[in-house]
Amino acid sequence: MKDVINGILEEPGVYFFINQKKEIIYIGKSVNLKKRVTSHFRDGKDQVFKKVVFENGLKKAPMGVWDYTERYLEVVPSLIYNQELKKKNKIVSKTKEIKFIITDNEDEALTLEGCLISVFRPIVNKQHWKYPLIEITLGEEVPRILTSYQALLPDSFIFGPFNIASDIDLAMEGFLLIIPICNAPNTIKPGGRYPQSCFKHQINRCIAPCKNSKWDKKQYNHFVKEFIFELENKGNGVIKKLEMMMNEETNNENYEGAAALRDRINAIKELFSTKAIPIVLMKYYKEINEIVGESFDYAKIIDKIVTNNGNNKK
C-alpha cells in the first residue's frame, strides 16, 4: 500500500478506495491527491474524543449523539465521539487497493467525484451527491417519465445525470407540454378502474392509459420514442414548438403565459448546456473504465449513462 501511495501525483483528481471484494467503498477528491490520500494513512495519535462546551446548561446529551465510555466517564463527563476518526478508521481497515484519476482542474475533480458517488454509492460515503437523472421506464407496459437521483428500474432508459443547478423539473414540464407521456410517480395499470382521469387528460395532454382500456398503445409508444429522440438531440424540436406557442401567446397579449413558456425553454437549454455531467464522464471514460472494468455492474452503469446521452466512446 505504501508503494501505491508514494506513486500518487500531487495533482487534482479523484481517488478510489477498493476492498478485498473489488468493491468501491469510498470515493474522494482533492486538489492534491498525494497529500489527501496520505492523510488517510498517516501514523500518529488522533483525538478520539473532544470536550463539548454547554451553552444552555444542559447536563444530559440527546440520545444518539453522545458517546460515554467507562474509561472516560469519570474524568470528563461530557464527551462527543469524533465521527471523522471513526470514518477514517473504517476506510483504512477495509481498503486493500487504491486507484485514482488525474483531472485537469479542481472543478472537474469535484464534478467527477459527485457524479461517481451518486452512481456507485460507496458504503463509506455517507452523503450521496444529488445529481438528477431522467428515467423512462421502458420495462413497464405503460412507460413513464421520471426525474430522480437514482435509477429505479433495470430496463429503464437513463439520461443524465445533470448538473445539480439545473432546473430539471421545469425543463420536463416543457417537454411534456409537447410530448404527452405519463409522469405518474407509480406504475400504471392500463385500463384500471380509476374514478376519473387525471388533469393532464382533461386538457388533452395525455391519452389516459390509466383509465381507457382502448388506449392507443402504438401511438403512446411513438410518443415515448419521440421523447427519447428529443433528449438525445438536446430538445431542439421541443424548443421550436414551445417558441411557436410563446409567440402565439405574445400575439394574443397573454404575457404571463408567454413568460411561463419562456422559462421552460430556458430550463431546457440550460439542462443541455456544457454543464451536463455526462461531458465530464465522457472525458474521463477511459480512465473510469480502467478502474471499474473488472466489475461488470459498475461498467454497465457508466456505459448506460454515456451511451444514452448520445456519446460515442473513444
C-alpha atoms as a PDB file:
ATOM      1  CA  MET A   1       0.000   0.000   0.000  1.00  0.00           C
ATOM      2  CA  LYS A   2       2.869   2.383   0.805  1.00  0.00           C
ATOM      3  CA  ASP A   3       4.339   1.979  -2.680  1.00  0.00           C
ATOM      4  CA  VAL A   4       0.982   2.834  -4.236  1.00  0.00           C
ATOM      5  CA  ILE A   5       0.639   5.965  -2.107  1.00  0.00           C
ATOM      6  CA  ASN A   6       4.158   7.068  -2.979  1.00  0.00           C
ATOM      7  CA  GLY A   7       3.283   6.737  -6.658  1.00  0.00           C
ATOM      8  CA  ILE A   8       0.305   9.115  -6.462  1.00  0.00           C
ATOM      9  CA  LEU A   9       0.927  12.500  -8.063  1.00  0.00           C
ATOM     10  CA  GLU A  10       0.448  15.894  -6.428  1.00  0.00           C
ATOM     11  CA  GLU A  11      -2.286  16.826  -8.894  1.00  0.00           C
ATOM     12  CA  PRO A  12      -6.049  17.454  -8.689  1.00  0.00           C
ATOM     13  CA  GLY A  13      -8.233  14.422  -9.179  1.00  0.00           C
ATOM     14  CA  VAL A  14     -10.473  11.710  -7.758  1.00  0.00           C
ATOM     15  CA  TYR A  15      -9.334   8.701  -5.741  1.00  0.00           C
ATOM     16  CA  PHE A  16     -10.985   5.339  -5.092  1.00  0.00           C
ATOM     17  CA  PHE A  17     -10.576   3.037  -2.092  1.00  0.00           C
ATOM     18  CA  ILE A  18     -11.391  -0.569  -3.002  1.00  0.00           C
ATOM     19  CA  ASN A  19     -11.908  -3.513  -0.654  1.00  0.00           C
ATOM     20  CA  GLN A  20     -10.927  -7.162  -0.951  1.00  0.00           C
ATOM     21  CA  LYS A  21     -14.070  -7.967  -2.957  1.00  0.00           C
ATOM     22  CA  LYS A  22     -13.127  -5.338  -5.586  1.00  0.00           C
ATOM     23  CA  GLU A  23     -15.965  -3.107  -4.371  1.00  0.00           C
ATOM     24  CA  ILE A  24     -15.503   0.664  -4.338  1.00  0.00           C
ATOM     25  CA  ILE A  25     -16.060   1.602  -0.695  1.00  0.00           C
ATOM     26  CA  TYR A  26     -15.036   5.268  -0.798  1.00  0.00           C
ATOM     27  CA  ILE A  27     -14.576   8.000  -3.403  1.00  0.00           C
ATOM     28  CA  GLY A  28     -12.873  11.298  -2.648  1.00  0.00           C
ATOM     29  CA  LYS A  29     -11.396  14.274  -4.482  1.00  0.00           C
ATOM     30  CA  SER A  30      -8.597  16.711  -3.809  1.00  0.00           C
ATOM     31  CA  VAL A  31      -6.598  19.492  -5.397  1.00  0.00           C
ATOM     32  CA  ASN A  32      -3.548  17.482  -4.246  1.00  0.00           C
ATOM     33  CA  LEU A  33      -4.219  13.749  -4.480  1.00  0.00           C
ATOM     34  CA  LYS A  34      -0.980  12.619  -2.863  1.00  0.00           C
ATOM     35  CA  LYS A  35      -1.425  14.843   0.172  1.00  0.00           C
ATOM     36  CA  ARG A  36      -5.080  13.887   0.648  1.00  0.00           C
ATOM     37  CA  VAL A  37      -4.665  10.119   0.282  1.00  0.00           C
ATOM     38  CA  THR A  38      -1.598  10.142   2.525  1.00  0.00           C
ATOM     39  CA  SER A  39      -3.613  11.867   5.261  1.00  0.00           C
ATOM     40  CA  HIS A  40      -5.912   8.823   5.472  1.00  0.00           C
ATOM     41  CA  PHE A  41      -2.995   6.530   6.292  1.00  0.00           C
ATOM     42  CA  ARG A  42      -0.809   8.864   8.344  1.00  0.00           C
ATOM     43  CA  ASP A  43       0.537   7.354  11.567  1.00  0.00           C
ATOM     44  CA  GLY A  44       0.076   9.171  14.837  1.00  0.00           C
ATOM     45  CA  LYS A  45      -2.320   9.630  17.709  1.00  0.00           C
ATOM     46  CA  ASP A  46      -5.710  11.053  16.871  1.00  0.00           C
ATOM     47  CA  GLN A  47      -8.058  12.643  19.357  1.00  0.00           C
ATOM     48  CA  VAL A  48     -10.913  10.201  19.632  1.00  0.00           C
ATOM     49  CA  PHE A  49     -12.957  12.366  21.991  1.00  0.00           C
ATOM     50  CA  LYS A  50     -13.294  16.105  22.491  1.00  0.00           C
ATOM     51  CA  LYS A  51     -14.893  18.293  25.128  1.00  0.00           C
ATOM     52  CA  VAL A  52     -18.229  19.890  24.479  1.00  0.00           C
ATOM     53  CA  VAL A  53     -18.998  23.382  25.727  1.00  0.00           C
ATOM     54  CA  PHE A  54     -22.510  23.679  27.102  1.00  0.00           C
ATOM     55  CA  GLU A  55     -24.265  26.921  26.154  1.00  0.00           C
ATOM     56  CA  ASN A  56     -27.658  26.171  27.638  1.00  0.00           C
ATOM     57  CA  GLY A  57     -26.712  24.471  30.884  1.00  0.00           C
ATOM     58  CA  LEU A  58     -27.805  21.003  29.766  1.00  0.00           C
ATOM     59  CA  LYS A  59     -26.323  18.152  31.788  1.00  0.00           C
ATOM     60  CA  LYS A  60     -27.621  15.311  29.671  1.00  0.00           C
ATOM     61  CA  ALA A  61     -26.978  14.780  25.995  1.00  0.00           C
ATOM     62  CA  PRO A  62     -29.570  13.931  23.314  1.00  0.00           C
ATOM     63  CA  MET A  63     -29.900  10.236  22.583  1.00  0.00           C
ATOM     64  CA  GLY A  64     -27.851   9.009  19.632  1.00  0.00           C
ATOM     65  CA  VAL A  65     -25.419  11.930  19.697  1.00  0.00           C
ATOM     66  CA  TRP A  66     -23.235  11.322  22.714  1.00  0.00           C
ATOM     67  CA  ASP A  67     -20.845   8.524  23.485  1.00  0.00           C
ATOM     68  CA  TYR A  68     -19.959   7.700  27.095  1.00  0.00           C
ATOM     69  CA  THR A  69     -17.413   5.023  27.964  1.00  0.00           C
ATOM     70  CA  GLU A  70     -16.262   3.614  31.280  1.00  0.00           C
ATOM     71  CA  ARG A  71     -12.714   4.773  30.541  1.00  0.00           C
ATOM     72  CA  TYR A  72     -13.570   8.466  30.152  1.00  0.00           C
ATOM     73  CA  LEU A  73     -16.859   8.888  32.030  1.00  0.00           C
ATOM     74  CA  GLU A  74     -15.376   9.727  35.422  1.00  0.00           C
ATOM     75  CA  VAL A  75     -12.648  12.022  34.066  1.00  0.00           C
ATOM     76  CA  VAL A  76     -14.661  14.030  31.526  1.00  0.00           C
ATOM     77  CA  PRO A  77     -18.431  13.640  31.941  1.00  0.00           C
ATOM     78  CA  SER A  78     -19.273  15.344  28.646  1.00  0.00           C
ATOM     79  CA  LEU A  79     -17.679  13.771  25.604  1.00  0.00           C
ATOM     80  CA  ILE A  80     -18.651  13.518  21.961  1.00  0.00           C
ATOM     81  CA  TYR A  81     -17.339  10.879  19.631  1.00  0.00           C
ATOM     82  CA  ASN A  82     -15.209  12.108  16.756  1.00  0.00           C
ATOM     83  CA  GLN A  83     -17.122  10.795  13.759  1.00  0.00           C
ATOM     84  CA  GLU A  84     -14.355  11.751  11.346  1.00  0.00           C
ATOM     85  CA  LEU A  85     -11.911   9.394  13.045  1.00  0.00           C
ATOM     86  CA  LYS A  86     -14.485   6.613  13.023  1.00  0.00           C
ATOM     87  CA  LYS A  87     -14.953   7.131   9.295  1.00  0.00           C
ATOM     88  CA  LYS A  88     -11.193   7.247   8.714  1.00  0.00           C
ATOM     89  CA  ASN A  89     -10.613   4.010  10.616  1.00  0.00           C
ATOM     90  CA  LYS A  90     -13.364   2.296   8.658  1.00  0.00           C
ATOM     91  CA  ILE A  91     -11.765   3.357   5.377  1.00  0.00           C
ATOM     92  CA  VAL A  92      -8.261   2.281   6.365  1.00  0.00           C
ATOM     93  CA  SER A  93      -9.327  -1.092   7.772  1.00  0.00           C
ATOM     94  CA  LYS A  94     -11.271  -2.093   4.667  1.00  0.00           C
ATOM     95  CA  THR A  95      -9.056  -0.657   1.916  1.00  0.00           C
ATOM     96  CA  LYS A  96      -6.967  -3.197   0.021  1.00  0.00           C
ATOM     97  CA  GLU A  97      -6.394  -1.202  -3.170  1.00  0.00           C
ATOM     98  CA  ILE A  98      -6.157   2.472  -4.149  1.00  0.00           C
ATOM     99  CA  LYS A  99      -6.774   3.887  -7.614  1.00  0.00           C
ATOM    100  CA  PHE A 100      -7.051   7.443  -8.866  1.00  0.00           C
ATOM    101  CA  ILE A 101      -7.877   9.661 -11.860  1.00  0.00           C
ATOM    102  CA  ILE A 102      -5.960  12.863 -12.567  1.00  0.00           C
ATOM    103  CA  THR A 103      -8.215  15.704 -13.752  1.00  0.00           C
ATOM    104  CA  ASP A 104      -7.318  18.963 -15.486  1.00  0.00           C
ATOM    105  CA  ASN A 105      -8.535  21.084 -12.594  1.00  0.00           C
ATOM    106  CA  GLU A 106     -10.249  21.084  -9.209  1.00  0.00           C
ATOM    107  CA  ASP A 107     -13.707  21.864 -10.664  1.00  0.00           C
ATOM    108  CA  GLU A 108     -13.613  18.729 -12.810  1.00  0.00           C
ATOM    109  CA  ALA A 109     -12.477  16.707  -9.809  1.00  0.00           C
ATOM    110  CA  LEU A 110     -15.449  17.999  -7.797  1.00  0.00           C
ATOM    111  CA  THR A 111     -17.933  17.223 -10.589  1.00  0.00           C
ATOM    112  CA  LEU A 112     -16.487  13.777 -11.290  1.00  0.00           C
ATOM    113  CA  GLU A 113     -16.427  12.860  -7.606  1.00  0.00           C
ATOM    114  CA  GLY A 114     -20.033  13.898  -7.062  1.00  0.00           C
ATOM    115  CA  CYS A 115     -21.303  12.055 -10.112  1.00  0.00           C
ATOM    116  CA  LEU A 116     -19.451   8.825  -9.363  1.00  0.00           C
ATOM    117  CA  ILE A 117     -20.609   8.871  -5.731  1.00  0.00           C
ATOM    118  CA  SER A 118     -24.200   9.188  -6.946  1.00  0.00           C
ATOM    119  CA  VAL A 119     -23.756   6.368  -9.464  1.00  0.00           C
ATOM    120  CA  PHE A 120     -21.711   3.887  -7.393  1.00  0.00           C
ATOM    121  CA  ARG A 121     -22.993   4.819  -3.882  1.00  0.00           C
ATOM    122  CA  PRO A 122     -19.920   3.619  -1.934  1.00  0.00           C
ATOM    123  CA  ILE A 123     -20.679   2.304   1.539  1.00  0.00           C
ATOM    124  CA  VAL A 124     -18.414   4.756   3.397  1.00  0.00           C
ATOM    125  CA  ASN A 125     -19.601   7.895   1.587  1.00  0.00           C
ATOM    126  CA  LYS A 126     -22.406   8.817   3.964  1.00  0.00           C
ATOM    127  CA  GLN A 127     -23.751  11.750   1.960  1.00  0.00           C
ATOM    128  CA  HIS A 128     -24.548  10.902  -1.637  1.00  0.00           C
ATOM    129  CA  TRP A 129     -24.492  13.793  -4.034  1.00  0.00           C
ATOM    130  CA  LYS A 130     -27.767  14.521  -5.754  1.00  0.00           C
ATOM    131  CA  TYR A 131     -27.283  14.848  -9.476  1.00  0.00           C
ATOM    132  CA  PRO A 132     -30.675  14.454 -11.186  1.00  0.00           C
ATOM    133  CA  LEU A 133     -31.419  11.767 -13.760  1.00  0.00           C
ATOM    134  CA  ILE A 134     -34.183  11.398 -16.338  1.00  0.00           C
ATOM    135  CA  GLU A 135     -35.596   7.870 -16.380  1.00  0.00           C
ATOM    136  CA  ILE A 136     -38.078   6.397 -18.860  1.00  0.00           C
ATOM    137  CA  THR A 137     -39.426   3.096 -17.543  1.00  0.00           C
ATOM    138  CA  LEU A 138     -39.279   1.071 -20.771  1.00  0.00           C
ATOM    139  CA  GLY A 139     -39.697  -2.191 -18.866  1.00  0.00           C
ATOM    140  CA  GLU A 140     -43.272  -1.278 -17.916  1.00  0.00           C
ATOM    141  CA  GLU A 141     -46.381  -1.784 -20.054  1.00  0.00           C
ATOM    142  CA  VAL A 142     -47.038   1.952 -19.795  1.00  0.00           C
ATOM    143  CA  PRO A 143     -43.608   3.660 -19.772  1.00  0.00           C
ATOM    144  CA  ARG A 144     -43.389   6.715 -17.528  1.00  0.00           C
ATOM    145  CA  ILE A 145     -41.030   9.673 -17.423  1.00  0.00           C
ATOM    146  CA  LEU A 146     -39.426  10.176 -14.006  1.00  0.00           C
ATOM    147  CA  THR A 147     -36.870  12.591 -12.606  1.00  0.00           C
ATOM    148  CA  SER A 148     -34.881  11.143  -9.751  1.00  0.00           C
ATOM    149  CA  TYR A 149     -31.428  10.866  -8.213  1.00  0.00           C
ATOM    150  CA  GLN A 150     -31.000   7.133  -8.659  1.00  0.00           C
ATOM    151  CA  ALA A 151     -32.168   4.817 -11.426  1.00  0.00           C
ATOM    152  CA  LEU A 152     -35.074   2.739 -10.127  1.00  0.00           C
ATOM    153  CA  LEU A 153     -35.672   0.010 -12.718  1.00  0.00           C
ATOM    154  CA  PRO A 154     -33.078  -2.105 -14.599  1.00  0.00           C
ATOM    155  CA  ASP A 155     -34.772  -1.881 -18.025  1.00  0.00           C
ATOM    156  CA  SER A 156     -35.188   1.881 -17.948  1.00  0.00           C
ATOM    157  CA  PHE A 157     -33.737   4.364 -20.409  1.00  0.00           C
ATOM    158  CA  ILE A 158     -31.420   6.570 -18.325  1.00  0.00           C
ATOM    159  CA  PHE A 159     -30.458  10.074 -19.424  1.00  0.00           C
ATOM    160  CA  GLY A 160     -28.122  12.224 -17.366  1.00  0.00           C
ATOM    161  CA  PRO A 161     -27.065  12.822 -14.706  1.00  0.00           C
ATOM    162  CA  PHE A 162     -27.254  16.599 -14.983  1.00  0.00           C
ATOM    163  CA  ASN A 163     -25.641  19.450 -13.137  1.00  0.00           C
ATOM    164  CA  ILE A 164     -27.076  19.929  -9.669  1.00  0.00           C
ATOM    165  CA  ALA A 165     -28.056  23.531 -10.501  1.00  0.00           C
ATOM    166  CA  SER A 166     -30.239  22.522 -13.467  1.00  0.00           C
ATOM    167  CA  ASP A 167     -33.989  23.013 -13.052  1.00  0.00           C
ATOM    168  CA  ILE A 168     -34.780  19.582 -14.423  1.00  0.00           C
ATOM    169  CA  ASP A 169     -38.423  19.611 -13.301  1.00  0.00           C
ATOM    170  CA  LEU A 170     -39.167  22.854 -15.146  1.00  0.00           C
ATOM    171  CA  ALA A 171     -37.421  21.520 -18.253  1.00  0.00           C
ATOM    172  CA  MET A 172     -39.507  18.339 -18.162  1.00  0.00           C
ATOM    173  CA  GLU A 173     -42.671  20.419 -17.853  1.00  0.00           C
ATOM    174  CA  GLY A 174     -41.702  21.956 -21.183  1.00  0.00           C
ATOM    175  CA  PHE A 175     -41.139  18.522 -22.736  1.00  0.00           C
ATOM    176  CA  LEU A 176     -44.472  17.229 -21.503  1.00  0.00           C
ATOM    177  CA  LEU A 177     -46.325  20.204 -22.972  1.00  0.00           C
ATOM    178  CA  ILE A 178     -45.240  18.925 -26.395  1.00  0.00           C
ATOM    179  CA  ILE A 179     -44.940  15.158 -25.902  1.00  0.00           C
ATOM    180  CA  PRO A 180     -47.829  13.781 -23.803  1.00  0.00           C
ATOM    181  CA  ILE A 181     -46.485  10.776 -21.944  1.00  0.00           C
ATOM    182  CA  CYS A 182     -47.237   9.842 -18.365  1.00  0.00           C
ATOM    183  CA  ASN A 183     -45.159  11.181 -15.470  1.00  0.00           C
ATOM    184  CA  ALA A 184     -47.092   9.490 -12.660  1.00  0.00           C
ATOM    185  CA  PRO A 185     -44.921   8.526  -9.661  1.00  0.00           C
ATOM    186  CA  ASN A 186     -46.328   4.973  -9.516  1.00  0.00           C
ATOM    187  CA  THR A 187     -46.638   2.140 -12.031  1.00  0.00           C
ATOM    188  CA  ILE A 188     -49.655   2.487 -14.352  1.00  0.00           C
ATOM    189  CA  LYS A 189     -52.017  -0.428 -14.977  1.00  0.00           C
ATOM    190  CA  PRO A 190     -53.702   0.025 -18.372  1.00  0.00           C
ATOM    191  CA  GLY A 191     -57.471   0.419 -18.233  1.00  0.00           C
ATOM    192  CA  GLY A 192     -57.522   0.441 -14.463  1.00  0.00           C
ATOM    193  CA  ARG A 193     -60.660   1.264 -12.549  1.00  0.00           C
ATOM    194  CA  TYR A 194     -59.912   4.874 -11.796  1.00  0.00           C
ATOM    195  CA  PRO A 195     -62.835   7.155 -10.865  1.00  0.00           C
ATOM    196  CA  GLN A 196     -61.639   9.826 -13.243  1.00  0.00           C
ATOM    197  CA  SER A 197     -58.690  10.539 -15.482  1.00  0.00           C
ATOM    198  CA  CYS A 198     -56.004  12.956 -14.393  1.00  0.00           C
ATOM    199  CA  PHE A 199     -55.967  16.659 -15.136  1.00  0.00           C
ATOM    200  CA  LYS A 200     -53.493  16.154 -17.993  1.00  0.00           C
ATOM    201  CA  HIS A 201     -56.074  14.056 -19.854  1.00  0.00           C
ATOM    202  CA  GLN A 202     -58.793  16.620 -19.260  1.00  0.00           C
ATOM    203  CA  ILE A 203     -56.707  19.274 -21.043  1.00  0.00           C
ATOM    204  CA  ASN A 204     -55.780  16.856 -23.867  1.00  0.00           C
ATOM    205  CA  ARG A 205     -52.153  16.333 -22.830  1.00  0.00           C
ATOM    206  CA  CYS A 206     -52.387  12.602 -22.144  1.00  0.00           C
ATOM    207  CA  ILE A 207     -54.296   9.730 -23.734  1.00  0.00           C
ATOM    208  CA  ALA A 208     -55.013   8.347 -20.234  1.00  0.00           C
ATOM    209  CA  PRO A 209     -53.891   4.698 -20.483  1.00  0.00           C
ATOM    210  CA  CYS A 210     -54.597   4.508 -16.745  1.00  0.00           C
ATOM    211  CA  LYS A 211     -58.356   4.781 -17.391  1.00  0.00           C
ATOM    212  CA  ASN A 212     -59.023   3.926 -21.022  1.00  0.00           C
ATOM    213  CA  SER A 213     -58.917   0.183 -21.773  1.00  0.00           C
ATOM    214  CA  LYS A 214     -58.859   1.003 -25.508  1.00  0.00           C
ATOM    215  CA  TRP A 215     -55.896   3.367 -25.314  1.00  0.00           C
ATOM    216  CA  ASP A 216     -53.727   3.539 -28.435  1.00  0.00           C
ATOM    217  CA  LYS A 217     -50.570   1.699 -27.383  1.00  0.00           C
ATOM    218  CA  LYS A 218     -48.907   2.241 -30.775  1.00  0.00           C
ATOM    219  CA  GLN A 219     -49.435   5.988 -30.576  1.00  0.00           C
ATOM    220  CA  TYR A 220     -48.216   6.099 -26.982  1.00  0.00           C
ATOM    221  CA  ASN A 221     -45.019   4.186 -27.820  1.00  0.00           C
ATOM    222  CA  HIS A 222     -44.470   6.656 -30.657  1.00  0.00           C
ATOM    223  CA  PHE A 223     -44.584   9.464 -28.081  1.00  0.00           C
ATOM    224  CA  VAL A 224     -42.055   7.582 -25.930  1.00  0.00           C
ATOM    225  CA  LYS A 225     -39.656   7.199 -28.876  1.00  0.00           C
ATOM    226  CA  GLU A 226     -40.111  10.871 -29.734  1.00  0.00           C
ATOM    227  CA  PHE A 227     -39.290  11.814 -26.139  1.00  0.00           C
ATOM    228  CA  ILE A 228     -36.059   9.798 -26.234  1.00  0.00           C
ATOM    229  CA  PHE A 229     -35.165  11.277 -29.639  1.00  0.00           C
ATOM    230  CA  GLU A 230     -35.593  14.804 -28.287  1.00  0.00           C
ATOM    231  CA  LEU A 231     -33.457  14.024 -25.238  1.00  0.00           C
ATOM    232  CA  GLU A 232     -30.676  12.772 -27.495  1.00  0.00           C
ATOM    233  CA  ASN A 233     -30.961  15.911 -29.644  1.00  0.00           C
ATOM    234  CA  LYS A 234     -30.934  18.463 -26.812  1.00  0.00           C
ATOM    235  CA  GLY A 235     -34.662  19.074 -27.085  1.00  0.00           C
ATOM    236  CA  ASN A 236     -34.311  21.133 -30.267  1.00  0.00           C
ATOM    237  CA  GLY A 237     -37.697  20.059 -31.665  1.00  0.00           C
ATOM    238  CA  VAL A 238     -39.429  20.702 -28.356  1.00  0.00           C
ATOM    239  CA  ILE A 239     -37.831  24.129 -28.069  1.00  0.00           C
ATOM    240  CA  LYS A 240     -39.020  25.156 -31.568  1.00  0.00           C
ATOM    241  CA  LYS A 241     -42.610  24.154 -30.781  1.00  0.00           C
ATOM    242  CA  LEU A 242     -42.519  25.928 -27.424  1.00  0.00           C
ATOM    243  CA  GLU A 243     -41.192  29.064 -29.112  1.00  0.00           C
ATOM    244  CA  MET A 244     -44.116  28.960 -31.560  1.00  0.00           C
ATOM    245  CA  MET A 245     -46.520  28.661 -28.626  1.00  0.00           C
ATOM    246  CA  MET A 246     -44.769  31.524 -26.823  1.00  0.00           C
ATOM    247  CA  ASN A 247     -45.033  33.804 -29.870  1.00  0.00           C
ATOM    248  CA  GLU A 248     -48.710  32.974 -30.174  1.00  0.00           C
ATOM    249  CA  GLU A 249     -49.307  33.864 -26.519  1.00  0.00           C
ATOM    250  CA  THR A 250     -47.423  37.134 -27.013  1.00  0.00           C
ATOM    251  CA  ASN A 251     -49.515  37.992 -30.075  1.00  0.00           C
ATOM    252  CA  ASN A 252     -52.640  37.343 -28.008  1.00  0.00           C
ATOM    253  CA  GLU A 253     -51.211  39.639 -25.291  1.00  0.00           C
ATOM    254  CA  ASN A 254     -51.111  36.773 -22.804  1.00  0.00           C
ATOM    255  CA  TYR A 255     -47.758  37.877 -21.444  1.00  0.00           C
ATOM    256  CA  GLU A 256     -47.973  35.761 -18.309  1.00  0.00           C
ATOM    257  CA  GLY A 257     -48.429  32.591 -20.381  1.00  0.00           C
ATOM    258  CA  ALA A 258     -45.610  33.646 -22.709  1.00  0.00           C
ATOM    259  CA  ALA A 259     -43.291  34.182 -19.741  1.00  0.00           C
ATOM    260  CA  ALA A 260     -44.091  30.708 -18.384  1.00  0.00           C
ATOM    261  CA  LEU A 261     -43.198  29.159 -21.745  1.00  0.00           C
ATOM    262  CA  ARG A 262     -40.032  31.238 -21.915  1.00  0.00           C
ATOM    263  CA  ASP A 263     -38.937  29.908 -18.507  1.00  0.00           C
ATOM    264  CA  ARG A 264     -39.439  26.318 -19.680  1.00  0.00           C
ATOM    265  CA  ILE A 265     -37.463  26.979 -22.867  1.00  0.00           C
ATOM    266  CA  ASN A 266     -34.583  28.455 -20.868  1.00  0.00           C
ATOM    267  CA  ALA A 267     -34.666  25.494 -18.458  1.00  0.00           C
ATOM    268  CA  ILE A 268     -34.341  23.037 -21.370  1.00  0.00           C
ATOM    269  CA  LYS A 269     -31.435  24.983 -22.870  1.00  0.00           C
ATOM    270  CA  GLU A 270     -29.680  25.102 -19.504  1.00  0.00           C
ATOM    271  CA  LEU A 271     -30.255  21.396 -18.963  1.00  0.00           C
ATOM    272  CA  PHE A 272     -28.373  20.547 -22.151  1.00  0.00           C
ATOM    273  CA  SER A 273     -25.648  23.141 -21.762  1.00  0.00           C
ATOM    274  CA  THR A 274     -21.971  22.245 -21.349  1.00  0.00           C
ATOM    275  CA  LYS A 275     -22.606  21.893 -17.621  1.00  0.00           C
ATOM    276  CA  ALA A 276     -24.220  18.495 -18.191  1.00  0.00           C
ATOM    277  CA  ILE A 277     -22.375  15.854 -16.176  1.00  0.00           C
ATOM    278  CA  PRO A 278     -22.008  13.252 -18.982  1.00  0.00           C
ATOM    279  CA  ILE A 279     -19.460  15.532 -20.667  1.00  0.00           C
ATOM    280  CA  VAL A 280     -17.100  15.021 -17.727  1.00  0.00           C
ATOM    281  CA  LEU A 281     -17.866  11.291 -17.661  1.00  0.00           C
ATOM    282  CA  MET A 282     -17.119  11.095 -21.378  1.00  0.00           C
ATOM    283  CA  LYS A 283     -13.862  12.994 -20.996  1.00  0.00           C
ATOM    284  CA  TYR A 284     -12.581  10.528 -18.395  1.00  0.00           C
ATOM    285  CA  TYR A 285     -14.404   7.457 -19.701  1.00  0.00           C
ATOM    286  CA  LYS A 286     -11.198   5.559 -20.476  1.00  0.00           C
ATOM    287  CA  GLU A 287      -9.750   6.202 -17.007  1.00  0.00           C
ATOM    288  CA  ILE A 288     -13.029   5.258 -15.286  1.00  0.00           C
ATOM    289  CA  ASN A 289     -13.276   2.073 -17.335  1.00  0.00           C
ATOM    290  CA  GLU A 290      -9.725   1.081 -16.362  1.00  0.00           C
ATOM    291  CA  ILE A 291     -10.711   1.348 -12.715  1.00  0.00           C
ATOM    292  CA  VAL A 292     -14.142  -0.319 -12.828  1.00  0.00           C
ATOM    293  CA  GLY A 293     -13.575  -2.589 -15.831  1.00  0.00           C
ATOM    294  CA  GLU A 294     -13.253  -5.667 -13.645  1.00  0.00           C
ATOM    295  CA  SER A 295     -16.659  -5.017 -12.116  1.00  0.00           C
ATOM    296  CA  PHE A 296     -19.447  -5.693 -14.594  1.00  0.00           C
ATOM    297  CA  ASP A 297     -22.082  -3.821 -12.564  1.00  0.00           C
ATOM    298  CA  TYR A 298     -20.050  -0.613 -12.354  1.00  0.00           C
ATOM    299  CA  ALA A 299     -19.056  -0.722 -16.025  1.00  0.00           C
ATOM    300  CA  LYS A 300     -22.657  -1.359 -17.103  1.00  0.00           C
ATOM    301  CA  ILE A 301     -23.871   1.745 -15.260  1.00  0.00           C
ATOM    302  CA  ILE A 302     -21.228   4.008 -16.822  1.00  0.00           C
ATOM    303  CA  ASP A 303     -21.833   2.568 -20.306  1.00  0.00           C
ATOM    304  CA  LYS A 304     -25.583   3.121 -19.998  1.00  0.00           C
ATOM    305  CA  ILE A 305     -25.133   6.758 -18.991  1.00  0.00           C
ATOM    306  CA  VAL A 306     -22.597   7.514 -21.728  1.00  0.00           C
ATOM    307  CA  THR A 307     -24.454   5.613 -24.467  1.00  0.00           C
ATOM    308  CA  ASN A 308     -27.889   7.015 -23.652  1.00  0.00           C
ATOM    309  CA  ASN A 309     -26.556  10.555 -23.758  1.00  0.00           C
ATOM    310  CA  GLY A 310     -25.687  10.269 -27.438  1.00  0.00           C
ATOM    311  CA  ASN A 311     -21.939   9.999 -26.972  1.00  0.00           C
ATOM    312  CA  ASN A 312     -19.543   7.723 -28.787  1.00  0.00           C
ATOM    313  CA  LYS A 313     -16.999   6.091 -26.529  1.00  0.00           C
ATOM    314  CA  LYS A 314     -13.378   6.552 -27.505  1.00  0.00           C
END
